[in-house]
C-alpha atoms as a PDB file:
ATOM      1  CA  UNK A   1       3.890 -19.796   3.551  1.00  0.00           C
ATOM      2  CA  UNK A   2       6.653 -18.625   5.804  1.00  0.00           C
ATOM      3  CA  UNK A   3      10.104 -19.651   4.745  1.00  0.00           C
ATOM      4  CA  UNK A   4      12.937 -20.595   7.067  1.00  0.00           C
ATOM      5  CA  UNK A   5      15.436 -19.142   4.564  1.00  0.00           C
ATOM      6  CA  UNK A   6      17.739 -16.544   6.043  1.00  0.00           C
ATOM      7  CA  UNK A   7      18.697 -15.079   2.661  1.00  0.00           C
ATOM      8  CA  UNK A   8      16.578 -13.877  -0.219  1.00  0.00           C
ATOM      9  CA  UNK A   9      18.458 -16.106  -2.646  1.00  0.00           C
ATOM     10  CA  UNK A  10      17.491 -19.101  -0.491  1.00  0.00           C
ATOM     11  CA  UNK A  11      13.877 -17.989  -0.395  1.00  0.00           C
ATOM     12  CA  UNK A  12      13.739 -17.665  -4.167  1.00  0.00           C
ATOM     13  CA  UNK A  13      15.448 -21.041  -4.624  1.00  0.00           C
ATOM     14  CA  UNK A  14      12.652 -22.710  -2.614  1.00  0.00           C
ATOM     15  CA  UNK A  15       9.941 -21.494  -4.993  1.00  0.00           C
ATOM     16  CA  UNK A  16       8.659 -23.365  -8.039  1.00  0.00           C
ATOM     17  CA  UNK A  17      10.023 -21.826 -11.248  1.00  0.00           C
ATOM     18  CA  UNK A  18       6.809 -19.995 -12.218  1.00  0.00           C
ATOM     19  CA  UNK A  19       6.469 -18.427  -8.762  1.00  0.00           C
ATOM     20  CA  UNK A  20      10.186 -17.619  -8.610  1.00  0.00           C
ATOM     21  CA  UNK A  21       9.949 -15.637 -11.852  1.00  0.00           C
ATOM     22  CA  UNK A  22       6.860 -13.778 -10.667  1.00  0.00           C
ATOM     23  CA  UNK A  23       8.244 -12.934  -7.212  1.00  0.00           C
ATOM     24  CA  UNK A  24      11.607 -11.947  -8.667  1.00  0.00           C
ATOM     25  CA  UNK A  25       9.986  -9.642 -11.222  1.00  0.00           C
ATOM     26  CA  UNK A  26       7.933  -7.939  -8.507  1.00  0.00           C
ATOM     27  CA  UNK A  27      11.048  -7.734  -6.327  1.00  0.00           C
ATOM     28  CA  UNK A  28      13.025  -5.998  -9.090  1.00  0.00           C
ATOM     29  CA  UNK A  29      10.196  -3.503  -9.711  1.00  0.00           C
ATOM     30  CA  UNK A  30       9.995  -2.683  -6.005  1.00  0.00           C
ATOM     31  CA  UNK A  31      13.755  -2.306  -5.603  1.00  0.00           C
ATOM     32  CA  UNK A  32      14.010  -0.094  -8.699  1.00  0.00           C
ATOM     33  CA  UNK A  33      11.317   2.287  -7.428  1.00  0.00           C
ATOM     34  CA  UNK A  34      11.611   2.239  -3.648  1.00  0.00           C
ATOM     35  CA  UNK A  35      13.008   5.511  -2.264  1.00  0.00           C
ATOM     36  CA  UNK A  36      16.484   5.496  -0.763  1.00  0.00           C
ATOM     37  CA  UNK A  37      16.673   4.450   2.874  1.00  0.00           C
ATOM     38  CA  UNK A  38      14.666   1.235   2.802  1.00  0.00           C
ATOM     39  CA  UNK A  39      16.575  -2.023   3.173  1.00  0.00           C
ATOM     40  CA  UNK A  40      15.752  -5.395   1.616  1.00  0.00           C
ATOM     41  CA  UNK A  41      15.829  -8.249   4.157  1.00  0.00           C
ATOM     42  CA  UNK A  42      14.166 -11.532   4.988  1.00  0.00           C
ATOM     43  CA  UNK A  43      11.364 -10.563   7.351  1.00  0.00           C
ATOM     44  CA  UNK A  44       8.686 -12.838   8.828  1.00  0.00           C
ATOM     45  CA  UNK A  45       9.684 -15.591   6.395  1.00  0.00           C
ATOM     46  CA  UNK A  46       9.136 -13.301   3.388  1.00  0.00           C
ATOM     47  CA  UNK A  47      11.092 -10.772   1.385  1.00  0.00           C
ATOM     48  CA  UNK A  48      10.798  -7.540   3.310  1.00  0.00           C
ATOM     49  CA  UNK A  49      11.564  -3.872   2.805  1.00  0.00           C
ATOM     50  CA  UNK A  50      12.184  -2.203   6.126  1.00  0.00           C
ATOM     51  CA  UNK A  51      13.511   0.966   7.680  1.00  0.00           C
ATOM     52  CA  UNK A  52      16.741  -0.157   9.330  1.00  0.00           C
ATOM     53  CA  UNK A  53      17.641   0.689  12.926  1.00  0.00           C
ATOM     54  CA  UNK A  54      20.319   3.134  11.746  1.00  0.00           C
ATOM     55  CA  UNK A  55      17.475   5.329  10.413  1.00  0.00           C
ATOM     56  CA  UNK A  56      14.777   4.432  12.958  1.00  0.00           C
ATOM     57  CA  UNK A  57      16.503   3.115  16.114  1.00  0.00           C
ATOM     58  CA  UNK A  58      13.221   2.451  17.954  1.00  0.00           C
ATOM     59  CA  UNK A  59      12.428  -0.435  15.609  1.00  0.00           C
ATOM     60  CA  UNK A  60       9.052  -2.117  15.364  1.00  0.00           C
ATOM     61  CA  UNK A  61       6.904  -1.560  18.484  1.00  0.00           C
ATOM     62  CA  UNK A  62       5.822  -5.231  18.614  1.00  0.00           C
ATOM     63  CA  UNK A  63       9.481  -6.278  18.773  1.00  0.00           C
ATOM     64  CA  UNK A  64      11.952  -3.366  18.942  1.00  0.00           C
ATOM     65  CA  UNK A  65      14.820  -5.694  18.000  1.00  0.00           C
ATOM     66  CA  UNK A  66      13.273  -5.826  14.508  1.00  0.00           C
ATOM     67  CA  UNK A  67      13.504  -2.984  11.998  1.00  0.00           C
ATOM     68  CA  UNK A  68      10.338  -1.116  11.078  1.00  0.00           C
ATOM     69  CA  UNK A  69       8.524  -3.125   8.359  1.00  0.00           C
ATOM     70  CA  UNK A  70       7.025  -1.407   5.327  1.00  0.00           C
ATOM     71  CA  UNK A  71       6.521  -3.826   2.401  1.00  0.00           C
ATOM     72  CA  UNK A  72       6.624  -7.620   2.294  1.00  0.00           C
ATOM     73  CA  UNK A  73       6.477  -9.894  -0.725  1.00  0.00           C
ATOM     74  CA  UNK A  74       5.568 -13.572  -0.421  1.00  0.00           C
ATOM     75  CA  UNK A  75       4.531 -16.619  -2.358  1.00  0.00           C
ATOM     76  CA  UNK A  76       1.488 -18.014  -0.564  1.00  0.00           C
ATOM     77  CA  UNK A  77      -0.337 -21.267  -1.295  1.00  0.00           C
ATOM     78  CA  UNK A  78      -2.753 -19.896  -3.918  1.00  0.00           C
ATOM     79  CA  UNK A  79      -1.343 -16.487  -4.750  1.00  0.00           C
ATOM     80  CA  UNK A  80       1.563 -14.091  -4.504  1.00  0.00           C
ATOM     81  CA  UNK A  81       1.025 -11.423  -1.865  1.00  0.00           C
ATOM     82  CA  UNK A  82       2.321  -7.896  -1.613  1.00  0.00           C
ATOM     83  CA  UNK A  83       1.847  -6.377   1.848  1.00  0.00           C
ATOM     84  CA  UNK A  84       2.149  -2.578   1.791  1.00  0.00           C
ATOM     85  CA  UNK A  85       1.690  -0.873   5.144  1.00  0.00           C
ATOM     86  CA  UNK A  86       1.293   2.516   3.492  1.00  0.00           C
ATOM     87  CA  UNK A  87      -1.983   1.379   1.924  1.00  0.00           C
ATOM     88  CA  UNK A  88      -3.264   0.416   5.358  1.00  0.00           C
ATOM     89  CA  UNK A  89      -2.257   3.667   7.010  1.00  0.00           C
ATOM     90  CA  UNK A  90      -2.910   6.304   4.341  1.00  0.00           C
ATOM     91  CA  UNK A  91      -6.419   6.612   2.900  1.00  0.00           C
ATOM     92  CA  UNK A  92      -5.238   9.061   0.241  1.00  0.00           C
ATOM     93  CA  UNK A  93      -2.649   6.543  -0.980  1.00  0.00           C
ATOM     94  CA  UNK A  94      -5.230   3.742  -0.891  1.00  0.00           C
ATOM     95  CA  UNK A  95      -7.724   5.822  -2.892  1.00  0.00           C
ATOM     96  CA  UNK A  96      -5.034   6.677  -5.452  1.00  0.00           C
ATOM     97  CA  UNK A  97      -4.028   3.025  -5.775  1.00  0.00           C
ATOM     98  CA  UNK A  98      -7.560   1.646  -6.171  1.00  0.00           C
ATOM     99  CA  UNK A  99      -8.362   4.307  -8.780  1.00  0.00           C
ATOM    100  CA  UNK A 100      -5.187   3.604 -10.722  1.00  0.00           C
ATOM    101  CA  UNK A 101      -5.752  -0.164 -10.489  1.00  0.00           C
ATOM    102  CA  UNK A 102      -8.976   0.214 -12.467  1.00  0.00           C
ATOM    103  CA  UNK A 103      -7.080   2.062 -15.213  1.00  0.00           C
ATOM    104  CA  UNK A 104      -4.113  -0.332 -15.253  1.00  0.00           C
ATOM    105  CA  UNK A 105      -5.828  -3.715 -15.503  1.00  0.00           C
ATOM    106  CA  UNK A 106      -9.177  -5.340 -16.196  1.00  0.00           C
ATOM    107  CA  UNK A 107      -8.578  -7.761 -13.330  1.00  0.00           C
ATOM    108  CA  UNK A 108     -10.559  -7.234 -10.112  1.00  0.00           C
ATOM    109  CA  UNK A 109      -8.474  -5.925  -7.208  1.00  0.00           C
ATOM    110  CA  UNK A 110      -8.179  -8.688  -4.585  1.00  0.00           C
ATOM    111  CA  UNK A 111      -7.073  -6.881  -1.464  1.00  0.00           C
ATOM    112  CA  UNK A 112      -7.216  -7.016   2.316  1.00  0.00           C
ATOM    113  CA  UNK A 113      -6.140  -4.179   4.623  1.00  0.00           C
ATOM    114  CA  UNK A 114      -2.529  -4.092   3.456  1.00  0.00           C
ATOM    115  CA  UNK A 115      -2.402  -7.241   1.329  1.00  0.00           C
ATOM    116  CA  UNK A 116      -2.734  -7.278  -2.450  1.00  0.00           C
ATOM    117  CA  UNK A 117      -3.260 -10.834  -3.715  1.00  0.00           C
ATOM    118  CA  UNK A 118      -2.080 -11.735  -7.204  1.00  0.00           C
ATOM    119  CA  UNK A 119      -3.727 -14.926  -8.473  1.00  0.00           C
ATOM    120  CA  UNK A 120      -3.333 -14.297 -12.209  1.00  0.00           C
ATOM    121  CA  UNK A 121       0.258 -13.371 -13.106  1.00  0.00           C
ATOM    122  CA  UNK A 122      -0.772 -12.142 -16.548  1.00  0.00           C
ATOM    123  CA  UNK A 123      -2.947  -9.399 -15.038  1.00  0.00           C
ATOM    124  CA  UNK A 124      -0.394  -7.871 -12.639  1.00  0.00           C
ATOM    125  CA  UNK A 125       0.070  -4.138 -13.363  1.00  0.00           C
ATOM    126  CA  UNK A 126       3.837  -4.082 -12.788  1.00  0.00           C
ATOM    127  CA  UNK A 127       4.208  -0.386 -13.624  1.00  0.00           C
ATOM    128  CA  UNK A 128       1.536   0.476 -11.069  1.00  0.00           C
ATOM    129  CA  UNK A 129       3.324  -1.611  -8.422  1.00  0.00           C
ATOM    130  CA  UNK A 130       6.491   0.335  -9.200  1.00  0.00           C
ATOM    131  CA  UNK A 131       4.624   3.613  -8.813  1.00  0.00           C
ATOM    132  CA  UNK A 132       3.152   2.419  -5.518  1.00  0.00           C
ATOM    133  CA  UNK A 133       6.608   1.512  -4.211  1.00  0.00           C
ATOM    134  CA  UNK A 134       7.834   5.025  -5.021  1.00  0.00           C
ATOM    135  CA  UNK A 135       5.042   6.931  -3.252  1.00  0.00           C
ATOM    136  CA  UNK A 136       6.291   6.887   0.340  1.00  0.00           C
ATOM    137  CA  UNK A 137       9.754   7.737   1.648  1.00  0.00           C
ATOM    138  CA  UNK A 138      11.158   6.311   4.880  1.00  0.00           C
ATOM    139  CA  UNK A 139      10.492   9.692   6.505  1.00  0.00           C
ATOM    140  CA  UNK A 140       6.850   9.635   5.313  1.00  0.00           C
ATOM    141  CA  UNK A 141       6.370   6.112   6.663  1.00  0.00           C
ATOM    142  CA  UNK A 142       7.940   6.947  10.031  1.00  0.00           C
ATOM    143  CA  UNK A 143       5.563   9.932  10.423  1.00  0.00           C
ATOM    144  CA  UNK A 144       2.517   7.789   9.567  1.00  0.00           C
ATOM    145  CA  UNK A 145       3.696   4.978  11.840  1.00  0.00           C
ATOM    146  CA  UNK A 146       4.354   7.262  14.816  1.00  0.00           C
ATOM    147  CA  UNK A 147       1.026   9.058  14.340  1.00  0.00           C
ATOM    148  CA  UNK A 148      -0.795   5.701  14.317  1.00  0.00           C
ATOM    149  CA  UNK A 149       0.998   4.638  17.511  1.00  0.00           C
ATOM    150  CA  UNK A 150      -0.010   7.904  19.245  1.00  0.00           C
ATOM    151  CA  UNK A 151      -3.639   7.443  18.222  1.00  0.00           C
ATOM    152  CA  UNK A 152      -3.919   3.911  19.596  1.00  0.00           C
END
């Protein structure tokens, strides 16, 4: 569900209490572990972590007026979603994450290309999500992003 909220506090206020607690806990883990240089914003109606224009002036190729997206966090109808572009673009990171997931939880990994779906809050491996958030710097993401653009 895309929110019309322009501020993260407004987005969180729209959520039912159980979802608000879950999203806020994931948000705090991400913010604590994300390397310096990313910025937390509302992006595409979700909480987003982006590389701001002051670091990457070119912005997002689909709409250069937007900063370069990296992670998004959203409460969807039947789950909470974490979108991590690094997982989509870096097979080594994806392999690490899927291997660590099996060690961190007994819950099956429900994942699309960049989307991790959390349907059971009690089985979320919060420490692993923190580790994932720490694995890629803004510079790393820019290199991956630019390489992907060149190859398309």
